[in-house]
Amino acid sequence: MTERLAALLHEEAESLAVPPLPADDVVRRGRGLRTRRRVRLGAAAVAVAAVAATATLAGTQLGDRDRPAGRDLAAAVPATDTDWAVAQGSTVHLGTGATAQVPGQVKAMYYTSAGMLVRIGRSAATDAPDSAYWLVAPDGTTSDFDLHLGDRKPGTDPTLPYLAYAAPGDDARHWKVVLRDVRTGEVATTVPVEGTFTWGGWNAPPVALSGDHVYVGVDGTLLDVRWRTGEVRTTTIPTHMPETAGGRDVVMGEDGKTVTIIDAATGEVLQSLPYDPTDDDPAATVWPRLSPDGSHALLTPTLMCQADTGSCRFEDPRATVIDLPGGRRSVVRLGNADYGWTATGRLLQVDGTSVQSCDPDTGTCEPTPVTLDPGANLKVSGNAYES
């Protein structure tokens, strides 16, 4: 069968209705905007105020249809410093020293406890309609669990073997949050949720998996799905593309001139930073980038790119790293735009012949040799690459 037909059949299978239980109304208004790519690293995500705490509770229970009989949900396991990858075209270089080949262009990479989940397609653009998911184990072996989600923003957690995403329910207000085991391709659990989705252009609301929570960006707010118990809570965090890491997320302040790093489960503000895209001062237009474990936030300098070659370099190589939640700051040097994070919160820098894994607090680095094409696009783990 053709790839397109296979994709349609998979989409249809995911859209089979699971009757949801009633939930409180979680939508007040939609933004009517389609989220597109960041123009520069660090200046992005659309949201409006970050205030406290979770609000109304709408409980749902998991039935036999939601959790396959005889299957236990996996416990979290620690990540390691070698959990990282750099991809170029169809080649994935792993932090263990292994190399893997996948049958397509790498669009994005996602940390899981079972290995690096690689999203591939005919092009490297994440908003292209074709997206398949392959698991790359630490030894370089690959496996395909035949999942096609199209233009959708999923989520993973480095300590868990799951891919989380939203799938359509029985009408425009109902969705299913699906956790699929990347080791087997089987659905581990599903949780029905309620809320319209008109503010973004994806096939379904964007999600982020962080520990025992899946955060879902429906109109007006984020939903907090406690996937182990099936509880669904409506938060007071305004809707945006969640990129929750280690239980922390980044949202715009209600004044439009600050950005806040919050505890996503409680709404507590951990750091408040100046952010004003209209300001001529480059320091005021930096959007914090969280490490995958949520331990650090990176404030990058202005990125300068050449239109003819596509190559990019930072105007000032000095970047600021914030240790969370305390706020201690340190300065690191970024040679170029090819940077990322290990699963444990070490800063990655790629210089063409090696990948430097650096302690973000001390700046001490450990190199791993790699062979890369200096003229080709790189994907470095720890970056979202979502559009």
Protein backbone atom coordinates (compact mmCIF):
# COMPACT_ATOMS: atom_id res chain seq x y z
CA MET A 1 0.00 0.00 0.00
CA THR A 2 1.19 3.55 -0.56
CA GLU A 3 2.73 5.61 2.24
CA ARG A 4 -0.16 8.06 2.06
CA LEU A 5 -2.77 5.31 2.38
CA ALA A 6 -0.89 3.79 5.30
CA ALA A 7 -0.79 7.20 7.00
CA LEU A 8 -4.55 7.65 6.51
CA LEU A 9 -5.27 4.21 7.95
CA HIS A 10 -3.14 4.94 11.00
CA GLU A 11 -4.84 8.31 11.51
CA GLU A 12 -8.24 6.63 11.27
CA ALA A 13 -7.24 3.98 13.81
CA GLU A 14 -6.17 6.66 16.26
CA SER A 15 -9.46 8.53 15.80
CA LEU A 16 -11.71 5.66 16.92
CA ALA A 17 -14.01 7.14 19.51
CA VAL A 18 -13.44 6.39 23.18
CA PRO A 19 -16.45 7.70 25.12
CA PRO A 20 -15.16 10.44 27.46
CA LEU A 21 -16.51 11.21 30.89
CA PRO A 22 -17.82 14.73 31.47
CA ALA A 23 -15.28 17.44 32.27
CA ASP A 24 -15.62 21.06 33.30
CA ASP A 25 -15.53 23.61 30.54
CA VAL A 26 -11.82 24.34 30.00
CA VAL A 27 -12.09 26.79 27.17
CA ARG A 28 -12.78 30.50 27.48
CA ARG A 29 -11.41 31.83 24.22
CA GLY A 30 -9.20 30.83 21.29
CA ARG A 31 -6.28 32.66 19.87
CA GLY A 32 -7.02 31.92 16.20
CA LEU A 33 -3.34 31.96 15.43
CA ARG A 34 -1.14 29.28 13.89
CA THR A 35 2.15 28.80 15.70
CA ARG A 36 5.03 28.87 13.27
CA ARG A 37 8.76 28.66 13.52
CA ARG A 38 10.84 30.86 15.73
CA VAL A 39 12.67 33.50 13.69
CA ARG A 40 15.61 33.36 16.02
CA LEU A 41 16.65 30.88 18.67
CA GLY A 42 15.18 31.88 21.96
CA ALA A 43 12.45 34.32 20.78
CA ALA A 44 9.19 32.49 20.55
CA ALA A 45 6.21 30.67 22.08
CA VAL A 46 2.92 32.46 22.22
CA ALA A 47 1.23 32.75 25.60
CA VAL A 48 -0.24 35.37 27.87
CA ALA A 49 0.13 35.29 31.64
CA ALA A 50 1.71 32.89 34.01
CA VAL A 51 -0.12 32.79 37.28
CA ALA A 52 -0.55 30.31 39.98
CA ALA A 53 -1.77 26.86 40.49
CA THR A 54 -4.04 24.32 39.10
CA ALA A 55 -7.75 24.89 39.33
CA THR A 56 -10.85 22.77 38.81
CA LEU A 57 -10.56 19.02 38.88
CA ALA A 58 -12.32 16.85 36.36
CA GLY A 59 -11.62 13.22 37.26
CA THR A 60 -11.70 10.35 34.80
CA GLN A 61 -11.09 6.68 35.45
CA LEU A 62 -9.15 4.30 33.26
CA GLY A 63 -11.17 1.32 32.06
CA ASP A 64 -10.08 -1.95 30.45
CA ARG A 65 -10.18 -0.32 27.02
CA ASP A 66 -7.81 2.45 28.13
CA ARG A 67 -5.19 0.31 29.84
CA PRO A 68 -4.48 -3.05 28.21
CA ALA A 69 -5.04 -5.92 30.62
CA GLY A 70 -1.95 -7.34 32.27
CA ARG A 71 0.29 -4.37 31.43
CA ASP A 72 2.00 -2.33 34.12
CA LEU A 73 2.91 1.29 33.51
CA ALA A 74 6.68 1.71 33.59
CA ALA A 75 8.43 3.45 36.44
CA ALA A 76 10.85 6.30 35.75
CA VAL A 77 14.56 5.48 35.46
CA PRO A 78 17.54 7.86 35.64
CA ALA A 79 19.07 9.30 32.46
CA THR A 80 22.83 9.20 31.79
CA ASP A 81 25.32 11.74 30.48
CA THR A 82 25.79 9.76 27.24
CA ASP A 83 22.10 10.19 26.39
CA TRP A 84 22.49 12.58 23.46
CA ALA A 85 22.56 12.49 19.69
CA VAL A 86 23.48 14.60 16.67
CA ALA A 87 21.75 13.85 13.38
CA GLN A 88 22.54 14.89 9.83
CA GLY A 89 20.33 13.71 7.00
CA SER A 90 19.65 10.04 7.74
CA THR A 91 22.63 9.47 10.03
CA VAL A 92 22.34 9.60 13.82
CA HIS A 93 25.50 9.89 15.94
CA LEU A 94 24.92 8.77 19.54
CA GLY A 95 26.67 9.81 22.74
CA THR A 96 27.67 6.19 23.28
CA GLY A 97 29.84 6.36 20.14
CA ALA A 98 27.47 4.27 18.05
CA THR A 99 26.06 5.42 14.70
CA ALA A 100 22.67 4.56 13.20
CA GLN A 101 21.02 4.93 9.80
CA VAL A 102 17.29 5.64 9.50
CA PRO A 103 15.17 5.50 6.28
CA GLY A 104 14.43 9.19 5.95
CA GLN A 105 15.51 12.72 6.82
CA VAL A 106 15.66 13.35 10.57
CA LYS A 107 13.11 15.98 11.60
CA ALA A 108 13.50 15.89 15.39
CA MET A 109 14.81 13.71 18.20
CA TYR A 110 13.14 12.92 21.51
CA TYR A 111 14.71 11.54 24.67
CA THR A 112 13.21 8.36 26.15
CA SER A 113 14.51 5.85 28.70
CA ALA A 114 14.57 3.19 25.95
CA GLY A 115 16.74 5.18 23.55
CA MET A 116 16.52 8.12 21.17
CA LEU A 117 13.16 8.39 19.42
CA VAL A 118 13.80 9.81 15.96
CA ARG A 119 11.12 11.49 13.85
CA ILE A 120 11.77 11.11 10.12
CA GLY A 121 10.20 11.92 6.77
CA ARG A 122 10.92 12.90 3.20
CA SER A 123 12.15 16.30 4.39
CA ALA A 124 13.59 17.63 7.64
CA ALA A 125 10.64 20.00 8.25
CA THR A 126 8.46 19.00 11.21
CA ASP A 127 5.32 20.59 9.71
CA ALA A 128 5.47 18.39 6.60
CA PRO A 129 2.55 15.91 6.56
CA ASP A 130 4.74 12.79 6.61
CA SER A 131 6.25 11.82 9.96
CA ALA A 132 7.30 8.32 11.03
CA TYR A 133 8.96 7.40 14.34
CA TRP A 134 11.95 5.10 14.79
CA LEU A 135 13.65 4.11 18.04
CA VAL A 136 17.46 4.17 18.07
CA ALA A 137 18.91 2.11 20.93
CA PRO A 138 22.19 3.13 22.64
CA ASP A 139 24.07 0.48 20.63
CA GLY A 140 22.81 1.94 17.33
CA THR A 141 20.19 -0.71 16.53
CA THR A 142 16.93 0.68 15.15
CA SER A 143 13.29 -0.35 15.25
CA ASP A 144 10.14 1.01 13.65
CA PHE A 145 6.76 0.73 15.36
CA ASP A 146 4.89 1.97 12.31
CA LEU A 147 3.35 5.15 13.73
CA HIS A 148 2.41 8.10 11.51
CA LEU A 149 1.16 11.23 13.27
CA GLY A 150 1.52 13.86 10.55
CA ASP A 151 1.92 17.47 11.68
CA ARG A 152 1.55 16.95 15.42
CA LYS A 153 3.56 18.04 18.46
CA PRO A 154 4.17 15.01 20.73
CA GLY A 155 6.09 14.77 24.00
CA THR A 156 8.56 12.47 25.75
CA ASP A 157 10.41 12.35 29.06
CA PRO A 158 14.05 11.14 29.24
CA THR A 159 13.18 8.90 32.20
CA LEU A 160 10.18 7.14 30.60
CA PRO A 161 9.71 4.75 27.62
CA TYR A 162 6.64 6.58 26.28
CA LEU A 163 5.62 8.86 23.44
CA ALA A 164 2.64 11.04 24.40
CA TYR A 165 0.34 12.72 21.88
CA ALA A 166 -3.26 13.86 21.41
CA ALA A 167 -5.64 12.05 19.05
CA PRO A 168 -9.17 13.06 17.97
CA GLY A 169 -12.17 11.90 20.00
CA ASP A 170 -15.77 11.67 18.86
CA ASP A 171 -16.20 15.39 18.09
CA ALA A 172 -14.28 18.69 17.92
CA ARG A 173 -14.35 19.14 21.72
CA HIS A 174 -13.05 15.73 22.67
CA TRP A 175 -9.56 14.26 22.44
CA LYS A 176 -7.62 11.30 23.70
CA VAL A 177 -4.21 11.65 25.31
CA VAL A 178 -2.30 8.56 24.20
CA LEU A 179 0.85 7.11 25.76
CA ARG A 180 2.53 4.65 23.42
CA ASP A 181 5.36 2.40 24.57
CA VAL A 182 8.30 3.05 22.25
CA ARG A 183 9.78 -0.39 23.04
CA THR A 184 6.82 -2.29 21.59
CA GLY A 185 4.71 0.26 19.73
CA GLU A 186 1.70 -0.69 21.85
CA VAL A 187 -0.59 1.82 23.55
CA ALA A 188 0.17 1.78 27.28
CA THR A 189 -2.76 3.95 28.33
CA THR A 190 -5.19 6.59 27.04
CA VAL A 191 -7.02 9.35 28.89
CA PRO A 192 -10.01 11.21 27.40
CA VAL A 193 -9.94 15.02 27.70
CA GLU A 194 -12.25 17.83 26.68
CA GLY A 195 -11.52 21.21 25.08
CA THR A 196 -11.68 22.87 21.69
CA PHE A 197 -8.48 23.47 19.77
CA THR A 198 -8.42 26.38 17.32
CA TRP A 199 -5.38 28.43 18.27
CA GLY A 200 -2.69 26.26 16.61
CA GLY A 201 -2.28 24.65 13.23
CA TRP A 202 -1.37 21.09 14.25
CA ASN A 203 -3.54 18.03 13.69
CA ALA A 204 -4.27 17.92 17.43
CA PRO A 205 -3.42 19.96 20.55
CA PRO A 206 0.32 20.04 21.33
CA VAL A 207 1.42 18.07 24.38
CA ALA A 208 4.41 17.70 26.69
CA LEU A 209 5.18 14.65 28.84
CA SER A 210 6.91 15.40 32.13
CA GLY A 211 7.00 12.75 34.83
CA ASP A 212 3.47 11.73 35.82
CA HIS A 213 1.94 14.64 33.89
CA VAL A 214 0.97 15.29 30.29
CA TYR A 215 0.28 18.96 29.57
CA VAL A 216 -2.15 19.65 26.71
CA GLY A 217 -2.54 23.03 24.96
CA VAL A 218 -6.25 23.40 24.26
CA ASP A 219 -7.89 26.80 23.72
CA GLY A 220 -7.38 29.22 26.58
CA THR A 221 -5.46 27.01 29.00
CA LEU A 222 -3.24 23.99 29.58
CA LEU A 223 -4.79 20.75 30.78
CA ASP A 224 -2.82 18.73 33.32
CA VAL A 225 -3.39 15.03 32.66
CA ARG A 226 -2.26 12.75 35.50
CA TRP A 227 -1.78 9.79 33.19
CA ARG A 228 -1.10 7.17 35.87
CA THR A 229 -4.46 7.81 37.56
CA GLY A 230 -6.53 9.25 34.70
CA GLU A 231 -7.28 12.55 36.46
CA VAL A 232 -7.58 15.64 34.26
CA ARG A 233 -7.15 19.10 35.75
CA THR A 234 -7.73 22.48 34.18
CA THR A 235 -4.83 24.79 35.06
CA THR A 236 -4.67 28.56 35.20
CA ILE A 237 -1.63 28.50 32.90
CA PRO A 238 -2.54 30.15 29.60
CA THR A 239 -2.43 28.05 26.48
CA HIS A 240 0.80 27.75 24.52
CA MET A 241 2.95 25.03 23.00
CA PRO A 242 4.06 23.24 26.18
CA GLU A 243 7.73 22.33 26.35
CA THR A 244 7.66 21.18 29.95
CA ALA A 245 10.95 19.69 31.16
CA GLY A 246 11.60 18.34 34.63
CA GLY A 247 8.23 19.73 35.68
CA ARG A 248 9.07 23.28 34.54
CA ASP A 249 7.83 25.39 31.66
CA VAL A 250 8.31 28.88 30.21
CA VAL A 251 5.42 31.30 29.57
CA MET A 252 4.95 34.98 28.83
CA GLY A 253 4.21 37.32 31.73
CA GLU A 254 0.84 39.06 31.74
CA ASP A 255 2.48 42.45 31.23
CA GLY A 256 3.90 41.31 27.89
CA LYS A 257 7.37 42.47 28.94
CA THR A 258 8.51 39.58 31.11
CA VAL A 259 8.90 35.84 30.70
CA THR A 260 8.51 33.47 33.62
CA ILE A 261 9.85 30.01 34.37
CA ILE A 262 7.21 28.16 36.36
CA ASP A 263 6.56 24.92 38.17
CA ALA A 264 3.95 23.51 35.81
CA ALA A 265 2.19 21.38 38.44
CA THR A 266 1.67 24.23 40.92
CA GLY A 267 1.99 27.38 38.84
CA GLU A 268 4.72 28.72 41.17
CA VAL A 269 6.98 31.29 39.48
CA LEU A 270 10.61 30.21 39.82
CA GLN A 271 12.23 32.96 37.75
CA SER A 272 10.95 36.16 36.13
CA LEU A 273 13.08 37.62 33.34
CA PRO A 274 12.77 40.71 31.11
CA TYR A 275 11.37 40.00 27.65
CA ASP A 276 10.25 42.67 25.21
CA PRO A 277 10.50 41.89 21.49
CA THR A 278 10.09 45.60 20.70
CA ASP A 279 13.17 46.57 22.70
CA ASP A 280 16.34 47.45 20.77
CA ASP A 281 18.44 45.82 23.49
CA PRO A 282 19.17 42.21 22.38
CA ALA A 283 19.30 41.15 26.03
CA ALA A 284 15.61 41.97 26.34
CA THR A 285 14.54 39.64 23.52
CA VAL A 286 15.96 36.36 24.78
CA TRP A 287 13.56 33.47 25.36
CA PRO A 288 14.92 30.95 27.92
CA ARG A 289 15.58 27.41 26.68
CA LEU A 290 15.12 24.70 29.33
CA SER A 291 17.36 21.65 29.56
CA PRO A 292 15.48 18.32 29.19
CA ASP A 293 15.72 17.65 32.93
CA GLY A 294 14.55 21.18 33.81
CA SER A 295 17.70 21.88 35.84
CA HIS A 296 18.94 24.82 33.76
CA ALA A 297 17.75 27.57 31.44
CA LEU A 298 19.93 28.99 28.66
CA LEU A 299 19.75 32.63 27.56
CA THR A 300 21.36 32.85 24.14
CA PRO A 301 22.80 35.95 22.48
CA THR A 302 21.47 37.30 19.19
CA LEU A 303 21.76 34.82 16.33
CA MET A 304 22.98 36.15 12.98
CA CYS A 305 22.30 34.05 9.87
CA GLN A 306 23.46 34.43 6.26
CA ALA A 307 20.60 34.17 3.78
CA ASP A 308 22.77 32.78 0.97
CA THR A 309 24.41 29.96 2.93
CA GLY A 310 22.02 29.44 5.84
CA SER A 311 24.95 29.38 8.26
CA CYS A 312 24.39 31.04 11.62
CA ARG A 313 26.61 32.39 14.37
CA PHE A 314 25.97 34.24 17.58
CA GLU A 315 26.72 37.95 17.52
CA ASP A 316 28.30 37.60 20.97
CA PRO A 317 29.55 34.10 21.86
CA ARG A 318 28.76 34.57 25.55
CA ALA A 319 25.55 33.01 26.79
CA THR A 320 24.02 32.93 30.25
CA VAL A 321 23.02 29.72 32.03
CA ILE A 322 20.61 29.89 34.98
CA ASP A 323 20.72 27.11 37.57
CA LEU A 324 17.13 26.33 38.58
CA PRO A 325 15.32 26.89 40.78
CA GLY A 326 17.82 28.98 42.79
CA GLY A 327 18.78 31.30 39.93
CA ARG A 328 22.59 31.18 40.16
CA ARG A 329 24.04 32.41 36.85
CA SER A 330 27.14 31.46 34.91
CA VAL A 331 28.51 32.42 31.50
CA VAL A 332 29.36 29.92 28.76
CA ARG A 333 30.69 30.47 25.25
CA LEU A 334 28.72 29.24 22.24
CA GLY A 335 30.81 29.00 19.09
CA ASN A 336 27.86 28.59 16.72
CA ALA A 337 24.17 27.82 16.57
CA ASP A 338 24.64 24.04 16.72
CA TYR A 339 24.01 23.47 20.40
CA GLY A 340 21.68 21.33 22.49
CA TRP A 341 21.37 19.44 25.77
CA THR A 342 22.07 15.97 27.08
CA ALA A 343 19.20 14.22 28.84
CA THR A 344 20.92 15.05 32.16
CA GLY A 345 21.22 18.79 31.53
CA ARG A 346 24.74 19.07 30.17
CA LEU A 347 25.19 21.61 27.38
CA LEU A 348 26.12 20.23 23.95
CA GLN A 349 28.16 22.15 21.38
CA VAL A 350 28.96 20.80 17.90
CA ASP A 351 31.98 22.19 16.06
CA GLY A 352 32.05 19.92 13.00
CA THR A 353 34.65 17.40 14.18
CA SER A 354 33.46 16.79 17.74
CA VAL A 355 30.57 17.15 20.13
CA GLN A 356 31.46 18.90 23.36
CA SER A 357 29.44 17.86 26.42
CA CYS A 358 29.85 20.67 28.94
CA ASP A 359 28.98 21.19 32.58
CA PRO A 360 26.71 24.27 32.36
CA ASP A 361 27.85 25.58 35.74
CA THR A 362 31.63 25.26 35.37
CA GLY A 363 32.04 25.25 31.57
CA THR A 364 34.22 22.12 31.73
CA CYS A 365 33.73 20.08 28.53
CA GLU A 366 34.33 16.50 27.39
CA PRO A 367 34.75 15.98 23.60
CA THR A 368 33.44 13.08 21.51
CA PRO A 369 34.83 12.85 17.94
CA VAL A 370 32.25 12.82 15.14
CA THR A 371 32.45 13.06 11.34
CA LEU A 372 29.98 15.60 9.96
CA ASP A 373 29.36 17.38 6.68
CA PRO A 374 29.95 21.09 7.42
CA GLY A 375 27.52 22.12 4.68
CA ALA A 376 24.50 20.07 5.82
CA ASN A 377 21.78 20.85 8.34
CA LEU A 378 22.30 19.45 11.83
CA LYS A 379 19.77 18.31 14.41
CA VAL A 380 21.07 18.32 17.98
CA SER A 381 19.16 16.54 20.74
CA GLY A 382 17.63 18.65 23.47
CA ASN A 383 16.02 21.04 20.95
CA ALA A 384 12.31 20.93 20.11
CA TYR A 385 12.49 21.71 16.35
CA GLU A 386 8.69 21.95 16.45
CA SER A 387 6.90 24.40 14.18
